[in-house]
Amino acid sequence: MLQNMWTTFITEKSLFIKLFVEHIEISLIAILIAIVLGGVVGILISEFERSAKLTLGVIKFLYTIPSISMLGFLIPF
């Protein structure tokens, strides 16, 4: 099985390189969007302190979504 995996990797090397580059591009785009949005939101909540509580509440809620989805894996069938 291991030899079969390496054979596939060697024969399809260009596909794996293309997919790797695509993965890096998608990751960098996501990081740049997060930096820009985070910077803008950070500047806005530092200037408008009344909106900071609401904004941070929304962000805390968004942080819980991955945790809630992982609870589904803990429920036995």
PDB file of N, CA and C in Angstrom:
ATOM      1  N   MET A   1       0.826  -1.190   0.000  1.00  0.00           N
ATOM      2  CA  MET A   1       0.000   0.000   0.000  1.00  0.00           C
ATOM      3  C   MET A   1       0.873   1.258   0.000  1.00  0.00           C
ATOM      4  N   LEU A   2       1.924   1.272   0.793  1.00  0.00           N
ATOM      5  CA  LEU A   2       2.811   2.429   0.851  1.00  0.00           C
ATOM      6  C   LEU A   2       3.496   2.660  -0.476  1.00  0.00           C
ATOM      7  N   GLN A   3       3.911   1.570  -1.122  1.00  0.00           N
ATOM      8  CA  GLN A   3       4.547   1.690  -2.423  1.00  0.00           C
ATOM      9  C   GLN A   3       3.552   2.234  -3.451  1.00  0.00           C
ATOM     10  N   ASN A   4       2.305   1.817  -3.352  1.00  0.00           N
ATOM     11  CA  ASN A   4       1.275   2.295  -4.253  1.00  0.00           C
ATOM     12  C   ASN A   4       1.070   3.812  -4.092  1.00  0.00           C
ATOM     13  N   MET A   5       1.139   4.283  -2.847  1.00  0.00           N
ATOM     14  CA  MET A   5       0.990   5.706  -2.580  1.00  0.00           C
ATOM     15  C   MET A   5       2.135   6.495  -3.220  1.00  0.00           C
ATOM     16  N   TRP A   6       3.353   6.022  -3.054  1.00  0.00           N
ATOM     17  CA  TRP A   6       4.512   6.721  -3.636  1.00  0.00           C
ATOM     18  C   TRP A   6       4.486   6.674  -5.157  1.00  0.00           C
ATOM     19  N   THR A   7       4.034   5.569  -5.706  1.00  0.00           N
ATOM     20  CA  THR A   7       3.919   5.468  -7.157  1.00  0.00           C
ATOM     21  C   THR A   7       2.910   6.493  -7.680  1.00  0.00           C
ATOM     22  N   THR A   8       1.796   6.616  -6.990  1.00  0.00           N
ATOM     23  CA  THR A   8       0.794   7.609  -7.383  1.00  0.00           C
ATOM     24  C   THR A   8       1.361   9.017  -7.263  1.00  0.00           C
ATOM     25  N   PHE A   9       2.081   9.283  -6.185  1.00  0.00           N
ATOM     26  CA  PHE A   9       2.671  10.611  -5.988  1.00  0.00           C
ATOM     27  C   PHE A   9       3.669  10.942  -7.097  1.00  0.00           C
ATOM     28  N   ILE A  10       4.483   9.985  -7.470  1.00  0.00           N
ATOM     29  CA  ILE A  10       5.500  10.233  -8.496  1.00  0.00           C
ATOM     30  C   ILE A  10       4.853  10.396  -9.874  1.00  0.00           C
ATOM     31  N   THR A  11       3.866   9.561 -10.178  1.00  0.00           N
ATOM     32  CA  THR A  11       3.242   9.650 -11.503  1.00  0.00           C
ATOM     33  C   THR A  11       2.344  10.879 -11.638  1.00  0.00           C
ATOM     34  N   GLU A  12       1.777  11.333 -10.553  1.00  0.00           N
ATOM     35  CA  GLU A  12       0.869  12.491 -10.577  1.00  0.00           C
ATOM     36  C   GLU A  12       1.506  13.706  -9.897  1.00  0.00           C
ATOM     37  N   LYS A  13       2.812  13.833 -10.014  1.00  0.00           N
ATOM     38  CA  LYS A  13       3.547  14.877  -9.311  1.00  0.00           C
ATOM     39  C   LYS A  13       3.038  16.277  -9.660  1.00  0.00           C
ATOM     40  N   SER A  14       2.763  16.537 -10.921  1.00  0.00           N
ATOM     41  CA  SER A  14       2.311  17.875 -11.315  1.00  0.00           C
ATOM     42  C   SER A  14       0.956  18.208 -10.691  1.00  0.00           C
ATOM     43  N   LEU A  15       0.083  17.220 -10.565  1.00  0.00           N
ATOM     44  CA  LEU A  15      -1.213  17.444  -9.931  1.00  0.00           C
ATOM     45  C   LEU A  15      -1.042  17.817  -8.466  1.00  0.00           C
ATOM     46  N   PHE A  16      -0.168  17.087  -7.755  1.00  0.00           N
ATOM     47  CA  PHE A  16       0.057  17.375  -6.343  1.00  0.00           C
ATOM     48  C   PHE A  16       0.688  18.751  -6.149  1.00  0.00           C
ATOM     49  N   ILE A  17       1.580  19.140  -7.019  1.00  0.00           N
ATOM     50  CA  ILE A  17       2.200  20.467  -6.928  1.00  0.00           C
ATOM     51  C   ILE A  17       1.155  21.541  -7.190  1.00  0.00           C
ATOM     52  N   LYS A  18       0.311  21.329  -8.184  1.00  0.00           N
ATOM     53  CA  LYS A  18      -0.759  22.286  -8.493  1.00  0.00           C
ATOM     54  C   LYS A  18      -1.705  22.437  -7.307  1.00  0.00           C
ATOM     55  N   LEU A  19      -2.084  21.324  -6.698  1.00  0.00           N
ATOM     56  CA  LEU A  19      -2.980  21.373  -5.540  1.00  0.00           C
ATOM     57  C   LEU A  19      -2.316  22.043  -4.339  1.00  0.00           C
ATOM     58  N   PHE A  20      -1.022  21.813  -4.158  1.00  0.00           N
ATOM     59  CA  PHE A  20      -0.286  22.446  -3.072  1.00  0.00           C
ATOM     60  C   PHE A  20      -0.250  23.964  -3.246  1.00  0.00           C
ATOM     61  N   VAL A  21       0.039  24.419  -4.458  1.00  0.00           N
ATOM     62  CA  VAL A  21       0.076  25.857  -4.738  1.00  0.00           C
ATOM     63  C   VAL A  21      -1.313  26.468  -4.543  1.00  0.00           C
ATOM     64  N   GLU A  22      -2.348  25.766  -4.988  1.00  0.00           N
ATOM     65  CA  GLU A  22      -3.719  26.244  -4.800  1.00  0.00           C
ATOM     66  C   GLU A  22      -4.054  26.373  -3.319  1.00  0.00           C
ATOM     67  N   HIS A  23      -3.633  25.411  -2.524  1.00  0.00           N
ATOM     68  CA  HIS A  23      -3.870  25.440  -1.080  1.00  0.00           C
ATOM     69  C   HIS A  23      -3.179  26.641  -0.447  1.00  0.00           C
ATOM     70  N   ILE A  24      -1.940  26.897  -0.832  1.00  0.00           N
ATOM     71  CA  ILE A  24      -1.202  28.037  -0.294  1.00  0.00           C
ATOM     72  C   ILE A  24      -1.880  29.347  -0.685  1.00  0.00           C
ATOM     73  N   GLU A  25      -2.328  29.457  -1.928  1.00  0.00           N
ATOM     74  CA  GLU A  25      -3.019  30.669  -2.379  1.00  0.00           C
ATOM     75  C   GLU A  25      -4.299  30.910  -1.577  1.00  0.00           C
ATOM     76  N   ILE A  26      -5.103  29.878  -1.401  1.00  0.00           N
ATOM     77  CA  ILE A  26      -6.349  30.023  -0.651  1.00  0.00           C
ATOM     78  C   ILE A  26      -6.060  30.415   0.791  1.00  0.00           C
ATOM     79  N   SER A  27      -5.041  29.806   1.391  1.00  0.00           N
ATOM     80  CA  SER A  27      -4.686  30.131   2.769  1.00  0.00           C
ATOM     81  C   SER A  27      -4.223  31.573   2.893  1.00  0.00           C
ATOM     82  N   LEU A  28      -3.383  32.024   1.977  1.00  0.00           N
ATOM     83  CA  LEU A  28      -2.896  33.405   2.030  1.00  0.00           C
ATOM     84  C   LEU A  28      -4.028  34.411   1.830  1.00  0.00           C
ATOM     85  N   ILE A  29      -4.949  34.111   0.931  1.00  0.00           N
ATOM     86  CA  ILE A  29      -6.094  35.012   0.725  1.00  0.00           C
ATOM     87  C   ILE A  29      -6.934  35.100   1.994  1.00  0.00           C
ATOM     88  N   ALA A  30      -7.180  33.959   2.635  1.00  0.00           N
ATOM     89  CA  ALA A  30      -7.962  33.956   3.870  1.00  0.00           C
ATOM     90  C   ALA A  30      -7.253  34.735   4.968  1.00  0.00           C
ATOM     91  N   ILE A  31      -5.939  34.578   5.074  1.00  0.00           N
ATOM     92  CA  ILE A  31      -5.175  35.302   6.094  1.00  0.00           C
ATOM     93  C   ILE A  31      -5.212  36.802   5.825  1.00  0.00           C
ATOM     94  N   LEU A  32      -5.053  37.202   4.578  1.00  0.00           N
ATOM     95  CA  LEU A  32      -5.095  38.627   4.244  1.00  0.00           C
ATOM     96  C   LEU A  32      -6.467  39.235   4.529  1.00  0.00           C
ATOM     97  N   ILE A  33      -7.525  38.518   4.196  1.00  0.00           N
ATOM     98  CA  ILE A  33      -8.875  39.008   4.497  1.00  0.00           C
ATOM     99  C   ILE A  33      -9.048  39.162   6.008  1.00  0.00           C
ATOM    100  N   ALA A  34      -8.586  38.191   6.779  1.00  0.00           N
ATOM    101  CA  ALA A  34      -8.711  38.261   8.235  1.00  0.00           C
ATOM    102  C   ALA A  34      -7.911  39.436   8.806  1.00  0.00           C
ATOM    103  N   ILE A  35      -6.723  39.680   8.261  1.00  0.00           N
ATOM    104  CA  ILE A  35      -5.912  40.796   8.748  1.00  0.00           C
ATOM    105  C   ILE A  35      -6.594  42.128   8.441  1.00  0.00           C
ATOM    106  N   VAL A  36      -7.094  42.274   7.224  1.00  0.00           N
ATOM    107  CA  VAL A  36      -7.744  43.532   6.839  1.00  0.00           C
ATOM    108  C   VAL A  36      -9.018  43.753   7.655  1.00  0.00           C
ATOM    109  N   LEU A  37      -9.890  42.750   7.705  1.00  0.00           N
ATOM    110  CA  LEU A  37     -11.131  42.907   8.461  1.00  0.00           C
ATOM    111  C   LEU A  37     -10.862  43.099   9.952  1.00  0.00           C
ATOM    112  N   GLY A  38      -9.928  42.332  10.479  1.00  0.00           N
ATOM    113  CA  GLY A  38      -9.591  42.470  11.896  1.00  0.00           C
ATOM    114  C   GLY A  38      -9.014  43.840  12.213  1.00  0.00           C
ATOM    115  N   GLY A  39      -8.181  44.340  11.315  1.00  0.00           N
ATOM    116  CA  GLY A  39      -7.611  45.669  11.521  1.00  0.00           C
ATOM    117  C   GLY A  39      -8.666  46.753  11.485  1.00  0.00           C
ATOM    118  N   VAL A  40      -9.556  46.667  10.500  1.00  0.00           N
ATOM    119  CA  VAL A  40     -10.623  47.667  10.385  1.00  0.00           C
ATOM    120  C   VAL A  40     -11.549  47.615  11.595  1.00  0.00           C
ATOM    121  N   VAL A  41     -11.957  46.421  11.981  1.00  0.00           N
ATOM    122  CA  VAL A  41     -12.852  46.281  13.130  1.00  0.00           C
ATOM    123  C   VAL A  41     -12.143  46.748  14.403  1.00  0.00           C
ATOM    124  N   GLY A  42     -10.880  46.418  14.556  1.00  0.00           N
ATOM    125  CA  GLY A  42     -10.127  46.860  15.731  1.00  0.00           C
ATOM    126  C   GLY A  42     -10.029  48.369  15.816  1.00  0.00           C
ATOM    127  N   ILE A  43      -9.770  49.011  14.696  1.00  0.00           N
ATOM    128  CA  ILE A  43      -9.702  50.473  14.679  1.00  0.00           C
ATOM    129  C   ILE A  43     -11.062  51.080  14.982  1.00  0.00           C
ATOM    130  N   LEU A  44     -12.113  50.524  14.379  1.00  0.00           N
ATOM    131  CA  LEU A  44     -13.455  51.061  14.615  1.00  0.00           C
ATOM    132  C   LEU A  44     -13.890  50.929  16.068  1.00  0.00           C
ATOM    133  N   ILE A  45     -13.644  49.774  16.690  1.00  0.00           N
ATOM    134  CA  ILE A  45     -14.088  49.624  18.084  1.00  0.00           C
ATOM    135  C   ILE A  45     -13.212  50.410  19.050  1.00  0.00           C
ATOM    136  N   SER A  46     -11.991  50.747  18.636  1.00  0.00           N
ATOM    137  CA  SER A  46     -11.188  51.604  19.508  1.00  0.00           C
ATOM    138  C   SER A  46     -11.638  53.062  19.409  1.00  0.00           C
ATOM    139  N   GLU A  47     -12.186  53.448  18.264  1.00  0.00           N
ATOM    140  CA  GLU A  47     -12.676  54.817  18.088  1.00  0.00           C
ATOM    141  C   GLU A  47     -14.105  54.981  18.632  1.00  0.00           C
ATOM    142  N   PHE A  48     -14.940  53.988  18.441  1.00  0.00           N
ATOM    143  CA  PHE A  48     -16.339  54.045  18.882  1.00  0.00           C
ATOM    144  C   PHE A  48     -16.528  53.010  19.989  1.00  0.00           C
ATOM    145  N   GLU A  49     -16.276  53.415  21.208  1.00  0.00           N
ATOM    146  CA  GLU A  49     -16.273  52.468  22.334  1.00  0.00           C
ATOM    147  C   GLU A  49     -17.652  51.897  22.635  1.00  0.00           C
ATOM    148  N   ARG A  50     -18.703  52.607  22.260  1.00  0.00           N
ATOM    149  CA  ARG A  50     -20.053  52.085  22.509  1.00  0.00           C
ATOM    150  C   ARG A  50     -20.324  50.830  21.689  1.00  0.00           C
ATOM    151  N   SER A  51     -19.756  50.767  20.500  1.00  0.00           N
ATOM    152  CA  SER A  51     -19.992  49.598  19.649  1.00  0.00           C
ATOM    153  C   SER A  51     -19.062  48.437  19.990  1.00  0.00           C
ATOM    154  N   ALA A  52     -18.071  48.673  20.840  1.00  0.00           N
ATOM    155  CA  ALA A  52     -17.091  47.627  21.161  1.00  0.00           C
ATOM    156  C   ALA A  52     -17.747  46.429  21.847  1.00  0.00           C
ATOM    157  N   LYS A  53     -18.666  46.693  22.769  1.00  0.00           N
ATOM    158  CA  LYS A  53     -19.295  45.597  23.510  1.00  0.00           C
ATOM    159  C   LYS A  53     -20.106  44.697  22.578  1.00  0.00           C
ATOM    160  N   LEU A  54     -20.882  45.314  21.689  1.00  0.00           N
ATOM    161  CA  LEU A  54     -21.677  44.531  20.735  1.00  0.00           C
ATOM    162  C   LEU A  54     -20.773  43.759  19.774  1.00  0.00           C
ATOM    163  N   THR A  55     -19.754  44.421  19.261  1.00  0.00           N
ATOM    164  CA  THR A  55     -18.843  43.776  18.308  1.00  0.00           C
ATOM    165  C   THR A  55     -18.123  42.595  18.946  1.00  0.00           C
ATOM    166  N   LEU A  56     -17.617  42.786  20.144  1.00  0.00           N
ATOM    167  CA  LEU A  56     -16.918  41.692  20.819  1.00  0.00           C
ATOM    168  C   LEU A  56     -17.868  40.558  21.179  1.00  0.00           C
ATOM    169  N   GLY A  57     -19.122  40.869  21.473  1.00  0.00           N
ATOM    170  CA  GLY A  57     -20.124  39.831  21.722  1.00  0.00           C
ATOM    171  C   GLY A  57     -20.371  38.981  20.488  1.00  0.00           C
ATOM    172  N   VAL A  58     -20.479  39.639  19.334  1.00  0.00           N
ATOM    173  CA  VAL A  58     -20.672  38.904  18.071  1.00  0.00           C
ATOM    174  C   VAL A  58     -19.457  38.031  17.778  1.00  0.00           C
ATOM    175  N   ILE A  59     -18.271  38.573  17.980  1.00  0.00           N
ATOM    176  CA  ILE A  59     -17.047  37.812  17.711  1.00  0.00           C
ATOM    177  C   ILE A  59     -16.939  36.609  18.647  1.00  0.00           C
ATOM    178  N   LYS A  60     -17.284  36.781  19.912  1.00  0.00           N
ATOM    179  CA  LYS A  60     -17.261  35.648  20.851  1.00  0.00           C
ATOM    180  C   LYS A  60     -18.258  34.575  20.434  1.00  0.00           C
ATOM    181  N   PHE A  61     -19.429  35.014  19.950  1.00  0.00           N
ATOM    182  CA  PHE A  61     -20.422  34.049  19.463  1.00  0.00           C
ATOM    183  C   PHE A  61     -19.870  33.268  18.276  1.00  0.00           C
ATOM    184  N   LEU A  62     -19.208  33.963  17.343  1.00  0.00           N
ATOM    185  CA  LEU A  62     -18.649  33.290  16.173  1.00  0.00           C
ATOM    186  C   LEU A  62     -17.558  32.289  16.568  1.00  0.00           C
ATOM    187  N   TYR A  63     -16.833  32.577  17.638  1.00  0.00           N
ATOM    188  CA  TYR A  63     -15.817  31.639  18.111  1.00  0.00           C
ATOM    189  C   TYR A  63     -16.432  30.342  18.627  1.00  0.00           C
ATOM    190  N   THR A  64     -17.674  30.383  19.097  1.00  0.00           N
ATOM    191  CA  THR A  64     -18.287  29.175  19.658  1.00  0.00           C
ATOM    192  C   THR A  64     -18.811  28.228  18.588  1.00  0.00           C
ATOM    193  N   ILE A  65     -19.017  28.705  17.381  1.00  0.00           N
ATOM    194  CA  ILE A  65     -19.606  27.855  16.328  1.00  0.00           C
ATOM    195  C   ILE A  65     -18.773  26.605  16.056  1.00  0.00           C
ATOM    196  N   PRO A  66     -17.434  26.694  15.880  1.00  0.00           N
ATOM    197  CA  PRO A  66     -16.672  25.446  15.681  1.00  0.00           C
ATOM    198  C   PRO A  66     -16.765  24.503  16.882  1.00  0.00           C
ATOM    199  N   SER A  67     -16.822  25.051  18.088  1.00  0.00           N
ATOM    200  CA  SER A  67     -16.929  24.197  19.274  1.00  0.00           C
ATOM    201  C   SER A  67     -18.257  23.457  19.294  1.00  0.00           C
ATOM    202  N   ILE A  68     -19.322  24.150  18.930  1.00  0.00           N
ATOM    203  CA  ILE A  68     -20.641  23.518  18.910  1.00  0.00           C
ATOM    204  C   ILE A  68     -20.690  22.413  17.850  1.00  0.00           C
ATOM    205  N   SER A  69     -20.085  22.665  16.692  1.00  0.00           N
ATOM    206  CA  SER A  69     -20.115  21.639  15.651  1.00  0.00           C
ATOM    207  C   SER A  69     -19.303  20.411  16.055  1.00  0.00           C
ATOM    208  N   MET A  70     -18.251  20.596  16.834  1.00  0.00           N
ATOM    209  CA  MET A  70     -17.458  19.455  17.285  1.00  0.00           C
ATOM    210  C   MET A  70     -18.199  18.595  18.299  1.00  0.00           C
ATOM    211  N   LEU A  71     -19.176  19.162  18.967  1.00  0.00           N
ATOM    212  CA  LEU A  71     -19.968  18.369  19.923  1.00  0.00           C
ATOM    213  C   LEU A  71     -20.702  17.234  19.221  1.00  0.00           C
ATOM    214  N   GLY A  72     -21.021  17.418  17.952  1.00  0.00           N
ATOM    215  CA  GLY A  72     -21.679  16.348  17.197  1.00  0.00           C
ATOM    216  C   GLY A  72     -20.849  15.079  17.124  1.00  0.00           C
ATOM    217  N   PHE A  73     -19.533  15.213  17.151  1.00  0.00           N
ATOM    218  CA  PHE A  73     -18.663  14.036  17.118  1.00  0.00           C
ATOM    219  C   PHE A  73     -18.666  13.285  18.453  1.00  0.00           C
ATOM    220  N   LEU A  74     -19.053  13.980  19.517  1.00  0.00           N
ATOM    221  CA  LEU A  74     -19.030  13.356  20.836  1.00  0.00           C
ATOM    222  C   LEU A  74     -20.297  12.563  21.143  1.00  0.00           C
ATOM    223  N   ILE A  75     -21.332  12.778  20.344  1.00  0.00           N
ATOM    224  CA  ILE A  75     -22.606  12.093  20.581  1.00  0.00           C
ATOM    225  C   ILE A  75     -22.503  10.676  19.995  1.00  0.00           C
ATOM    226  N   PRO A  76     -22.666   9.657  20.821  1.00  0.00           N
ATOM    227  CA  PRO A  76     -22.563   8.277  20.295  1.00  0.00           C
ATOM    228  C   PRO A  76     -23.795   7.912  19.461  1.00  0.00           C
ATOM    229  N   PHE A  77     -23.578   7.033  18.514  1.00  0.00           N
ATOM    230  CA  PHE A  77     -24.668   6.576  17.647  1.00  0.00           C
ATOM    231  C   PHE A  77     -25.416   5.444  18.262  1.00  0.00           C
TER     232      PHE A  77
END
